[in-house]
Amino acid sequence: MPVKLNKEGTTLVAFLSGEIDHHSAIALREAVDGAIKLVKPERLEIDFGDVTFMDSSGVGFVMGRYKLVNFYGGTVVVKNASERMERMLSLSGIEKIALIEKRDKAV
């Protein structure tokens, strides 16, 4: 599975990897949504550090998780996105609903 989930207190961290496209987004949604419904986190961190490719399905993935986490009163943080992915997310307006933490240039 292209996602590893880790609960840290009231935070749920989703470490994504590989390619995020229409087909892989389905499995990602199912795994992360199941964990969100179980944990009801105050904060969902979506870590793109090991993602090698993302199309618009990645944007839709973040938006959908925002809606679910927001339903439970939580917030969403996007972490470690490449410059290209960060630009795509910013152009889509994701920064209006989620915090985008800049990737450390040294990494």
PDB file of N, CA and C in Angstrom:
ATOM      1  N   MET A   1       0.853  -1.181   0.000  1.00  0.00           N
ATOM      2  CA  MET A   1       0.000   0.000   0.000  1.00  0.00           C
ATOM      3  C   MET A   1       0.894   1.238   0.000  1.00  0.00           C
ATOM      4  N   PRO A   2       0.556   2.256  -0.768  1.00  0.00           N
ATOM      5  CA  PRO A   2       1.399   3.445  -0.874  1.00  0.00           C
ATOM      6  C   PRO A   2       1.203   4.457   0.254  1.00  0.00           C
ATOM      7  N   VAL A   3       0.738   4.011   1.406  1.00  0.00           N
ATOM      8  CA  VAL A   3       0.562   4.915   2.542  1.00  0.00           C
ATOM      9  C   VAL A   3       0.856   4.167   3.840  1.00  0.00           C
ATOM     10  N   LYS A   4       1.554   4.861   4.736  1.00  0.00           N
ATOM     11  CA  LYS A   4       1.768   4.352   6.086  1.00  0.00           C
ATOM     12  C   LYS A   4       1.137   5.361   7.022  1.00  0.00           C
ATOM     13  N   LEU A   5       0.400   4.855   7.999  1.00  0.00           N
ATOM     14  CA  LEU A   5      -0.317   5.727   8.925  1.00  0.00           C
ATOM     15  C   LEU A   5       0.289   5.604  10.308  1.00  0.00           C
ATOM     16  N   ASN A   6       0.396   6.739  10.977  1.00  0.00           N
ATOM     17  CA  ASN A   6       0.971   6.771  12.310  1.00  0.00           C
ATOM     18  C   ASN A   6       0.167   7.739  13.169  1.00  0.00           C
ATOM     19  N   LYS A   7      -0.286   7.281  14.315  1.00  0.00           N
ATOM     20  CA  LYS A   7      -1.015   8.139  15.242  1.00  0.00           C
ATOM     21  C   LYS A   7      -0.035   8.650  16.290  1.00  0.00           C
ATOM     22  N   GLU A   8       0.029   9.964  16.417  1.00  0.00           N
ATOM     23  CA  GLU A   8       0.904  10.614  17.393  1.00  0.00           C
ATOM     24  C   GLU A   8       0.038  11.530  18.251  1.00  0.00           C
ATOM     25  N   GLY A   9      -0.435  11.024  19.373  1.00  0.00           N
ATOM     26  CA  GLY A   9      -1.347  11.802  20.210  1.00  0.00           C
ATOM     27  C   GLY A   9      -2.654  12.028  19.475  1.00  0.00           C
ATOM     28  N   THR A  10      -3.008  13.311  19.274  1.00  0.00           N
ATOM     29  CA  THR A  10      -4.246  13.640  18.561  1.00  0.00           C
ATOM     30  C   THR A  10      -3.990  13.924  17.084  1.00  0.00           C
ATOM     31  N   THR A  11      -2.782  13.582  16.622  1.00  0.00           N
ATOM     32  CA  THR A  11      -2.404  13.800  15.231  1.00  0.00           C
ATOM     33  C   THR A  11      -2.319  12.466  14.500  1.00  0.00           C
ATOM     34  N   LEU A  12      -2.860  12.437  13.303  1.00  0.00           N
ATOM     35  CA  LEU A  12      -2.729  11.281  12.420  1.00  0.00           C
ATOM     36  C   LEU A  12      -1.820  11.711  11.278  1.00  0.00           C
ATOM     37  N   VAL A  13      -0.740  10.949  11.058  1.00  0.00           N
ATOM     38  CA  VAL A  13       0.192  11.264   9.986  1.00  0.00           C
ATOM     39  C   VAL A  13       0.058  10.201   8.898  1.00  0.00           C
ATOM     40  N   ALA A  14      -0.140  10.665   7.661  1.00  0.00           N
ATOM     41  CA  ALA A  14      -0.223   9.772   6.508  1.00  0.00           C
ATOM     42  C   ALA A  14       1.025   9.999   5.662  1.00  0.00           C
ATOM     43  N   PHE A  15       1.916   9.007   5.650  1.00  0.00           N
ATOM     44  CA  PHE A  15       3.131   9.070   4.843  1.00  0.00           C
ATOM     45  C   PHE A  15       2.826   8.441   3.486  1.00  0.00           C
ATOM     46  N   LEU A  16       2.749   9.266   2.449  1.00  0.00           N
ATOM     47  CA  LEU A  16       2.430   8.788   1.116  1.00  0.00           C
ATOM     48  C   LEU A  16       3.715   8.454   0.362  1.00  0.00           C
ATOM     49  N   SER A  17       3.616   7.522  -0.592  1.00  0.00           N
ATOM     50  CA  SER A  17       4.789   7.187  -1.393  1.00  0.00           C
ATOM     51  C   SER A  17       4.367   6.762  -2.796  1.00  0.00           C
ATOM     52  N   GLY A  18       5.328   6.810  -3.704  1.00  0.00           N
ATOM     53  CA  GLY A  18       5.065   6.388  -5.080  1.00  0.00           C
ATOM     54  C   GLY A  18       4.314   7.450  -5.862  1.00  0.00           C
ATOM     55  N   GLU A  19       3.500   6.985  -6.791  1.00  0.00           N
ATOM     56  CA  GLU A  19       2.754   7.877  -7.669  1.00  0.00           C
ATOM     57  C   GLU A  19       1.312   8.027  -7.200  1.00  0.00           C
ATOM     58  N   ILE A  20       0.817   9.249  -7.277  1.00  0.00           N
ATOM     59  CA  ILE A  20      -0.589   9.500  -6.944  1.00  0.00           C
ATOM     60  C   ILE A  20      -1.289   9.901  -8.236  1.00  0.00           C
ATOM     61  N   ASP A  21      -2.116   8.977  -8.718  1.00  0.00           N
ATOM     62  CA  ASP A  21      -2.926   9.230  -9.900  1.00  0.00           C
ATOM     63  C   ASP A  21      -4.331   8.708  -9.615  1.00  0.00           C
ATOM     64  N   HIS A  22      -5.171   8.713 -10.622  1.00  0.00           N
ATOM     65  CA  HIS A  22      -6.568   8.305 -10.434  1.00  0.00           C
ATOM     66  C   HIS A  22      -6.694   6.930  -9.778  1.00  0.00           C
ATOM     67  N   HIS A  23      -5.901   5.981 -10.218  1.00  0.00           N
ATOM     68  CA  HIS A  23      -6.013   4.613  -9.706  1.00  0.00           C
ATOM     69  C   HIS A  23      -5.471   4.470  -8.283  1.00  0.00           C
ATOM     70  N   SER A  24      -4.311   5.025  -8.015  1.00  0.00           N
ATOM     71  CA  SER A  24      -3.729   4.881  -6.678  1.00  0.00           C
ATOM     72  C   SER A  24      -4.481   5.711  -5.636  1.00  0.00           C
ATOM     73  N   ALA A  25      -5.108   6.803  -6.069  1.00  0.00           N
ATOM     74  CA  ALA A  25      -5.838   7.660  -5.131  1.00  0.00           C
ATOM     75  C   ALA A  25      -6.998   6.920  -4.475  1.00  0.00           C
ATOM     76  N   ILE A  26      -7.569   5.963  -5.165  1.00  0.00           N
ATOM     77  CA  ILE A  26      -8.689   5.198  -4.596  1.00  0.00           C
ATOM     78  C   ILE A  26      -8.239   4.444  -3.355  1.00  0.00           C
ATOM     79  N   ALA A  27      -7.129   3.728  -3.445  1.00  0.00           N
ATOM     80  CA  ALA A  27      -6.608   2.977  -2.295  1.00  0.00           C
ATOM     81  C   ALA A  27      -6.170   3.918  -1.183  1.00  0.00           C
ATOM     82  N   LEU A  28      -5.564   5.046  -1.552  1.00  0.00           N
ATOM     83  CA  LEU A  28      -5.155   6.029  -0.545  1.00  0.00           C
ATOM     84  C   LEU A  28      -6.360   6.540   0.237  1.00  0.00           C
ATOM     85  N   ARG A  29      -7.406   6.913  -0.509  1.00  0.00           N
ATOM     86  CA  ARG A  29      -8.624   7.427   0.137  1.00  0.00           C
ATOM     87  C   ARG A  29      -9.202   6.413   1.114  1.00  0.00           C
ATOM     88  N   GLU A  30      -9.316   5.177   0.677  1.00  0.00           N
ATOM     89  CA  GLU A  30      -9.906   4.153   1.540  1.00  0.00           C
ATOM     90  C   GLU A  30      -9.101   3.959   2.819  1.00  0.00           C
ATOM     91  N   ALA A  31      -7.785   3.883   2.687  1.00  0.00           N
ATOM     92  CA  ALA A  31      -6.934   3.666   3.864  1.00  0.00           C
ATOM     93  C   ALA A  31      -6.974   4.852   4.817  1.00  0.00           C
ATOM     94  N   VAL A  32      -6.799   6.046   4.282  1.00  0.00           N
ATOM     95  CA  VAL A  32      -6.741   7.234   5.137  1.00  0.00           C
ATOM     96  C   VAL A  32      -8.114   7.555   5.723  1.00  0.00           C
ATOM     97  N   ASP A  33      -9.175   7.438   4.939  1.00  0.00           N
ATOM     98  CA  ASP A  33     -10.515   7.713   5.455  1.00  0.00           C
ATOM     99  C   ASP A  33     -10.880   6.757   6.588  1.00  0.00           C
ATOM    100  N   GLY A  34     -10.505   5.487   6.439  1.00  0.00           N
ATOM    101  CA  GLY A  34     -10.779   4.525   7.511  1.00  0.00           C
ATOM    102  C   GLY A  34     -10.090   4.917   8.803  1.00  0.00           C
ATOM    103  N   ALA A  35      -8.845   5.355   8.689  1.00  0.00           N
ATOM    104  CA  ALA A  35      -8.101   5.779   9.884  1.00  0.00           C
ATOM    105  C   ALA A  35      -8.691   7.051  10.480  1.00  0.00           C
ATOM    106  N   ILE A  36      -9.088   7.992   9.631  1.00  0.00           N
ATOM    107  CA  ILE A  36      -9.683   9.241  10.126  1.00  0.00           C
ATOM    108  C   ILE A  36     -10.963   8.938  10.897  1.00  0.00           C
ATOM    109  N   LYS A  37     -11.800   8.078  10.355  1.00  0.00           N
ATOM    110  CA  LYS A  37     -13.065   7.748  11.019  1.00  0.00           C
ATOM    111  C   LYS A  37     -12.833   7.037  12.346  1.00  0.00           C
ATOM    112  N   LEU A  38     -11.775   6.275  12.420  1.00  0.00           N
ATOM    113  CA  LEU A  38     -11.446   5.562  13.656  1.00  0.00           C
ATOM    114  C   LEU A  38     -10.818   6.479  14.702  1.00  0.00           C
ATOM    115  N   VAL A  39      -9.865   7.302  14.279  1.00  0.00           N
ATOM    116  CA  VAL A  39      -9.079   8.138  15.196  1.00  0.00           C
ATOM    117  C   VAL A  39      -9.739   9.478  15.491  1.00  0.00           C
ATOM    118  N   LYS A  40     -10.435  10.046  14.492  1.00  0.00           N
ATOM    119  CA  LYS A  40     -11.023  11.390  14.595  1.00  0.00           C
ATOM    120  C   LYS A  40      -9.956  12.392  15.048  1.00  0.00           C
ATOM    121  N   PRO A  41      -8.884  12.551  14.255  1.00  0.00           N
ATOM    122  CA  PRO A  41      -7.751  13.377  14.680  1.00  0.00           C
ATOM    123  C   PRO A  41      -8.057  14.869  14.714  1.00  0.00           C
ATOM    124  N   GLU A  42      -7.369  15.565  15.610  1.00  0.00           N
ATOM    125  CA  GLU A  42      -7.448  17.018  15.636  1.00  0.00           C
ATOM    126  C   GLU A  42      -6.612  17.604  14.507  1.00  0.00           C
ATOM    127  N   ARG A  43      -5.636  16.812  14.063  1.00  0.00           N
ATOM    128  CA  ARG A  43      -4.717  17.269  13.011  1.00  0.00           C
ATOM    129  C   ARG A  43      -4.361  16.081  12.127  1.00  0.00           C
ATOM    130  N   LEU A  44      -4.515  16.263  10.822  1.00  0.00           N
ATOM    131  CA  LEU A  44      -4.079  15.267   9.851  1.00  0.00           C
ATOM    132  C   LEU A  44      -2.899  15.852   9.106  1.00  0.00           C
ATOM    133  N   GLU A  45      -1.754  15.163   9.173  1.00  0.00           N
ATOM    134  CA  GLU A  45      -0.577  15.578   8.420  1.00  0.00           C
ATOM    135  C   GLU A  45      -0.443  14.634   7.234  1.00  0.00           C
ATOM    136  N   ILE A  46      -0.400  15.197   6.038  1.00  0.00           N
ATOM    137  CA  ILE A  46      -0.223  14.409   4.825  1.00  0.00           C
ATOM    138  C   ILE A  46       1.196  14.667   4.341  1.00  0.00           C
ATOM    139  N   ASP A  47       2.046  13.660   4.452  1.00  0.00           N
ATOM    140  CA  ASP A  47       3.460  13.794   4.133  1.00  0.00           C
ATOM    141  C   ASP A  47       3.730  13.272   2.722  1.00  0.00           C
ATOM    142  N   PHE A  48       4.125  14.181   1.829  1.00  0.00           N
ATOM    143  CA  PHE A  48       4.389  13.853   0.428  1.00  0.00           C
ATOM    144  C   PHE A  48       5.870  13.555   0.178  1.00  0.00           C
ATOM    145  N   GLY A  49       6.658  13.367   1.219  1.00  0.00           N
ATOM    146  CA  GLY A  49       8.102  13.224   1.092  1.00  0.00           C
ATOM    147  C   GLY A  49       8.573  12.140   0.145  1.00  0.00           C
ATOM    148  N   ASP A  50       7.845  11.037   0.024  1.00  0.00           N
ATOM    149  CA  ASP A  50       8.257   9.934  -0.838  1.00  0.00           C
ATOM    150  C   ASP A  50       7.373   9.786  -2.079  1.00  0.00           C
ATOM    151  N   VAL A  51       6.637  10.842  -2.412  1.00  0.00           N
ATOM    152  CA  VAL A  51       5.797  10.808  -3.609  1.00  0.00           C
ATOM    153  C   VAL A  51       6.654  11.226  -4.805  1.00  0.00           C
ATOM    154  N   THR A  52       6.655  10.400  -5.836  1.00  0.00           N
ATOM    155  CA  THR A  52       7.480  10.658  -7.020  1.00  0.00           C
ATOM    156  C   THR A  52       6.717  11.342  -8.151  1.00  0.00           C
ATOM    157  N   PHE A  53       5.392  11.234  -8.140  1.00  0.00           N
ATOM    158  CA  PHE A  53       4.560  11.840  -9.171  1.00  0.00           C
ATOM    159  C   PHE A  53       3.174  12.089  -8.597  1.00  0.00           C
ATOM    160  N   MET A  54       2.573  13.207  -9.011  1.00  0.00           N
ATOM    161  CA  MET A  54       1.211  13.500  -8.577  1.00  0.00           C
ATOM    162  C   MET A  54       0.512  14.266  -9.687  1.00  0.00           C
ATOM    163  N   ASP A  55      -0.705  13.830 -10.020  1.00  0.00           N
ATOM    164  CA  ASP A  55      -1.522  14.613 -10.937  1.00  0.00           C
ATOM    165  C   ASP A  55      -2.643  15.256 -10.117  1.00  0.00           C
ATOM    166  N   SER A  56      -3.678  15.714 -10.773  1.00  0.00           N
ATOM    167  CA  SER A  56      -4.768  16.402 -10.063  1.00  0.00           C
ATOM    168  C   SER A  56      -5.464  15.511  -9.037  1.00  0.00           C
ATOM    169  N   SER A  57      -5.292  14.209  -9.140  1.00  0.00           N
ATOM    170  CA  SER A  57      -5.875  13.300  -8.143  1.00  0.00           C
ATOM    171  C   SER A  57      -5.308  13.571  -6.755  1.00  0.00           C
ATOM    172  N   GLY A  58      -4.069  14.024  -6.700  1.00  0.00           N
ATOM    173  CA  GLY A  58      -3.466  14.372  -5.412  1.00  0.00           C
ATOM    174  C   GLY A  58      -4.142  15.575  -4.784  1.00  0.00           C
ATOM    175  N   VAL A  59      -4.502  16.537  -5.622  1.00  0.00           N
ATOM    176  CA  VAL A  59      -5.232  17.709  -5.135  1.00  0.00           C
ATOM    177  C   VAL A  59      -6.589  17.275  -4.597  1.00  0.00           C
ATOM    178  N   GLY A  60      -7.275  16.437  -5.357  1.00  0.00           N
ATOM    179  CA  GLY A  60      -8.577  15.926  -4.921  1.00  0.00           C
ATOM    180  C   GLY A  60      -8.467  15.121  -3.643  1.00  0.00           C
ATOM    181  N   PHE A  61      -7.373  14.374  -3.509  1.00  0.00           N
ATOM    182  CA  PHE A  61      -7.143  13.592  -2.296  1.00  0.00           C
ATOM    183  C   PHE A  61      -7.067  14.513  -1.077  1.00  0.00           C
ATOM    184  N   VAL A  62      -6.288  15.577  -1.181  1.00  0.00           N
ATOM    185  CA  VAL A  62      -6.151  16.518  -0.052  1.00  0.00           C
ATOM    186  C   VAL A  62      -7.499  17.172   0.255  1.00  0.00           C
ATOM    187  N   MET A  63      -8.221  17.611  -0.771  1.00  0.00           N
ATOM    188  CA  MET A  63      -9.515  18.269  -0.555  1.00  0.00           C
ATOM    189  C   MET A  63     -10.510  17.346   0.148  1.00  0.00           C
ATOM    190  N   GLY A  64     -10.559  16.107  -0.298  1.00  0.00           N
ATOM    191  CA  GLY A  64     -11.481  15.157   0.313  1.00  0.00           C
ATOM    192  C   GLY A  64     -11.145  14.850   1.756  1.00  0.00           C
ATOM    193  N   ARG A  65      -9.856  14.736   2.065  1.00  0.00           N
ATOM    194  CA  ARG A  65      -9.466  14.464   3.452  1.00  0.00           C
ATOM    195  C   ARG A  65      -9.747  15.685   4.314  1.00  0.00           C
ATOM    196  N   TYR A  66      -9.588  16.883   3.737  1.00  0.00           N
ATOM    197  CA  TYR A  66      -9.932  18.094   4.475  1.00  0.00           C
ATOM    198  C   TYR A  66     -11.404  18.063   4.879  1.00  0.00           C
ATOM    199  N   LYS A  67     -12.271  17.731   3.934  1.00  0.00           N
ATOM    200  CA  LYS A  67     -13.706  17.708   4.242  1.00  0.00           C
ATOM    201  C   LYS A  67     -14.021  16.740   5.374  1.00  0.00           C
ATOM    202  N   LEU A  68     -13.392  15.571   5.338  1.00  0.00           N
ATOM    203  CA  LEU A  68     -13.663  14.575   6.376  1.00  0.00           C
ATOM    204  C   LEU A  68     -13.088  14.997   7.720  1.00  0.00           C
ATOM    205  N   VAL A  69     -11.855  15.449   7.739  1.00  0.00           N
ATOM    206  CA  VAL A  69     -11.221  15.869   8.998  1.00  0.00           C
ATOM    207  C   VAL A  69     -11.947  17.088   9.564  1.00  0.00           C
ATOM    208  N   ASN A  70     -12.339  18.004   8.705  1.00  0.00           N
ATOM    209  CA  ASN A  70     -13.064  19.192   9.139  1.00  0.00           C
ATOM    210  C   ASN A  70     -14.400  18.812   9.777  1.00  0.00           C
ATOM    211  N   PHE A  71     -15.034  17.769   9.263  1.00  0.00           N
ATOM    212  CA  PHE A  71     -16.290  17.275   9.837  1.00  0.00           C
ATOM    213  C   PHE A  71     -16.102  16.913  11.315  1.00  0.00           C
ATOM    214  N   TYR A  72     -14.924  16.388  11.641  1.00  0.00           N
ATOM    215  CA  TYR A  72     -14.608  16.018  13.025  1.00  0.00           C
ATOM    216  C   TYR A  72     -13.947  17.156  13.799  1.00  0.00           C
ATOM    217  N   GLY A  73     -13.856  18.340  13.199  1.00  0.00           N
ATOM    218  CA  GLY A  73     -13.302  19.504  13.881  1.00  0.00           C
ATOM    219  C   GLY A  73     -11.789  19.623  13.791  1.00  0.00           C
ATOM    220  N   GLY A  74     -11.175  18.879  12.898  1.00  0.00           N
ATOM    221  CA  GLY A  74      -9.724  18.889  12.790  1.00  0.00           C
ATOM    222  C   GLY A  74      -9.204  19.762  11.659  1.00  0.00           C
ATOM    223  N   THR A  75      -7.870  19.830  11.565  1.00  0.00           N
ATOM    224  CA  THR A  75      -7.194  20.598  10.527  1.00  0.00           C
ATOM    225  C   THR A  75      -6.277  19.683   9.718  1.00  0.00           C
ATOM    226  N   VAL A  76      -5.874  20.178   8.544  1.00  0.00           N
ATOM    227  CA  VAL A  76      -5.007  19.409   7.654  1.00  0.00           C
ATOM    228  C   VAL A  76      -3.722  20.190   7.392  1.00  0.00           C
ATOM    229  N   VAL A  77      -2.608  19.462   7.417  1.00  0.00           N
ATOM    230  CA  VAL A  77      -1.299  20.036   7.105  1.00  0.00           C
ATOM    231  C   VAL A  77      -0.668  19.189   6.012  1.00  0.00           C
ATOM    232  N   VAL A  78      -0.182  19.845   4.964  1.00  0.00           N
ATOM    233  CA  VAL A  78       0.536  19.168   3.890  1.00  0.00           C
ATOM    234  C   VAL A  78       2.020  19.397   4.132  1.00  0.00           C
ATOM    235  N   LYS A  79       2.792  18.299   4.134  1.00  0.00           N
ATOM    236  CA  LYS A  79       4.226  18.403   4.432  1.00  0.00           C
ATOM    237  C   LYS A  79       5.063  17.758   3.337  1.00  0.00           C
ATOM    238  N   ASN A  80       6.271  18.273   3.193  1.00  0.00           N
ATOM    239  CA  ASN A  80       7.315  17.678   2.358  1.00  0.00           C
ATOM    240  C   ASN A  80       6.945  17.476   0.886  1.00  0.00           C
ATOM    241  N   ALA A  81       6.100  18.339   0.360  1.00  0.00           N
ATOM    242  CA  ALA A  81       5.779  18.264  -1.073  1.00  0.00           C
ATOM    243  C   ALA A  81       6.944  18.842  -1.865  1.00  0.00           C
ATOM    244  N   SER A  82       7.223  18.268  -3.025  1.00  0.00           N
ATOM    245  CA  SER A  82       8.259  18.821  -3.892  1.00  0.00           C
ATOM    246  C   SER A  82       7.807  20.205  -4.356  1.00  0.00           C
ATOM    247  N   GLU A  83       8.730  20.971  -4.924  1.00  0.00           N
ATOM    248  CA  GLU A  83       8.370  22.311  -5.408  1.00  0.00           C
ATOM    249  C   GLU A  83       7.252  22.232  -6.442  1.00  0.00           C
ATOM    250  N   ARG A  84       7.328  21.248  -7.328  1.00  0.00           N
ATOM    251  CA  ARG A  84       6.302  21.087  -8.372  1.00  0.00           C
ATOM    252  C   ARG A  84       4.938  20.771  -7.745  1.00  0.00           C
ATOM    253  N   MET A  85       4.924  19.848  -6.785  1.00  0.00           N
ATOM    254  CA  MET A  85       3.663  19.481  -6.135  1.00  0.00           C
ATOM    255  C   MET A  85       3.134  20.636  -5.299  1.00  0.00           C
ATOM    256  N   GLU A  86       4.030  21.328  -4.632  1.00  0.00           N
ATOM    257  CA  GLU A  86       3.634  22.479  -3.818  1.00  0.00           C
ATOM    258  C   GLU A  86       2.989  23.550  -4.693  1.00  0.00           C
ATOM    259  N   ARG A  87       3.576  23.766  -5.867  1.00  0.00           N
ATOM    260  CA  ARG A  87       3.018  24.755  -6.801  1.00  0.00           C
ATOM    261  C   ARG A  87       1.630  24.320  -7.268  1.00  0.00           C
ATOM    262  N   MET A  88       1.469  23.050  -7.595  1.00  0.00           N
ATOM    263  CA  MET A  88       0.177  22.539  -8.035  1.00  0.00           C
ATOM    264  C   MET A  88      -0.867  22.720  -6.925  1.00  0.00           C
ATOM    265  N   LEU A  89      -0.490  22.411  -5.703  1.00  0.00           N
ATOM    266  CA  LEU A  89      -1.408  22.551  -4.573  1.00  0.00           C
ATOM    267  C   LEU A  89      -1.766  24.021  -4.344  1.00  0.00           C
ATOM    268  N   SER A  90      -0.767  24.893  -4.429  1.00  0.00           N
ATOM    269  CA  SER A  90      -1.027  26.322  -4.233  1.00  0.00           C
ATOM    270  C   SER A  90      -1.943  26.879  -5.315  1.00  0.00           C
ATOM    271  N   LEU A  91      -1.689  26.506  -6.572  1.00  0.00           N
ATOM    272  CA  LEU A  91      -2.523  26.990  -7.678  1.00  0.00           C
ATOM    273  C   LEU A  91      -3.969  26.518  -7.557  1.00  0.00           C
ATOM    274  N   SER A  92      -4.154  25.363  -6.926  1.00  0.00           N
ATOM    275  CA  SER A  92      -5.504  24.831  -6.762  1.00  0.00           C
ATOM    276  C   SER A  92      -6.256  25.486  -5.608  1.00  0.00           C
ATOM    277  N   GLY A  93      -5.544  26.263  -4.792  1.00  0.00           N
ATOM    278  CA  GLY A  93      -6.186  26.928  -3.659  1.00  0.00           C
ATOM    279  C   GLY A  93      -6.169  26.118  -2.376  1.00  0.00           C
ATOM    280  N   ILE A  94      -5.420  25.023  -2.339  1.00  0.00           N
ATOM    281  CA  ILE A  94      -5.362  24.179  -1.142  1.00  0.00           C
ATOM    282  C   ILE A  94      -4.936  24.974   0.087  1.00  0.00           C
ATOM    283  N   GLU A  95      -4.069  25.967  -0.106  1.00  0.00           N
ATOM    284  CA  GLU A  95      -3.582  26.719   1.051  1.00  0.00           C
ATOM    285  C   GLU A  95      -4.692  27.505   1.756  1.00  0.00           C
ATOM    286  N   LYS A  96      -5.867  27.590   1.145  1.00  0.00           N
ATOM    287  CA  LYS A  96      -7.002  28.232   1.806  1.00  0.00           C
ATOM    288  C   LYS A  96      -7.659  27.305   2.819  1.00  0.00           C
ATOM    289  N   ILE A  97      -7.456  25.992   2.658  1.00  0.00           N
ATOM    290  CA  ILE A  97      -8.092  25.032   3.559  1.00  0.00           C
ATOM    291  C   ILE A  97      -7.091  24.208   4.368  1.00  0.00           C
ATOM    292  N   ALA A  98      -5.822  24.236   3.959  1.00  0.00           N
ATOM    293  CA  ALA A  98      -4.805  23.438   4.640  1.00  0.00           C
ATOM    294  C   ALA A  98      -3.509  24.228   4.725  1.00  0.00           C
ATOM    295  N   LEU A  99      -2.764  23.990   5.768  1.00  0.00           N
ATOM    296  CA  LEU A  99      -1.457  24.597   5.921  1.00  0.00           C
ATOM    297  C   LEU A  99      -0.470  23.806   5.069  1.00  0.00           C
ATOM    298  N   ILE A 100       0.322  24.499   4.255  1.00  0.00           N
ATOM    299  CA  ILE A 100       1.361  23.840   3.475  1.00  0.00           C
ATOM    300  C   ILE A 100       2.695  24.193   4.119  1.00  0.00           C
ATOM    301  N   GLU A 101       3.324  23.192   4.727  1.00  0.00           N
ATOM    302  CA  GLU A 101       4.638  23.402   5.336  1.00  0.00           C
ATOM    303  C   GLU A 101       5.687  23.207   4.259  1.00  0.00           C
ATOM    304  N   LYS A 102       6.544  24.200   4.099  1.00  0.00           N
ATOM    305  CA  LYS A 102       7.577  24.159   3.064  1.00  0.00           C
ATOM    306  C   LYS A 102       8.581  23.051   3.348  1.00  0.00           C
ATOM    307  N   ARG A 103       9.021  22.411   2.282  1.00  0.00           N
ATOM    308  CA  ARG A 103      10.032  21.362   2.371  1.00  0.00           C
ATOM    309  C   ARG A 103      11.379  22.006   2.672  1.00  0.00           C
ATOM    310  N   ASP A 104      12.129  21.390   3.566  1.00  0.00           N
ATOM    311  CA  ASP A 104      13.462  21.852   3.888  1.00  0.00           C
ATOM    312  C   ASP A 104      14.349  21.653   2.669  1.00  0.00           C
ATOM    313  N   LYS A 105      14.947  22.707   2.164  1.00  0.00           N
ATOM    314  CA  LYS A 105      15.762  22.647   0.933  1.00  0.00           C
ATOM    315  C   LYS A 105      16.966  21.713   1.096  1.00  0.00           C
ATOM    316  N   ALA A 106      17.429  21.493   2.313  1.00  0.00           N
ATOM    317  CA  ALA A 106      18.593  20.641   2.552  1.00  0.00           C
ATOM    318  C   ALA A 106      18.263  19.165   2.398  1.00  0.00           C
ATOM    319  N   VAL A 107      16.963  18.837   2.385  1.00  0.00           N
ATOM    320  CA  VAL A 107      16.547  17.431   2.299  1.00  0.00           C
ATOM    321  C   VAL A 107      16.573  16.957   0.880  1.00  0.00           C
TER     322      VAL A 107
END
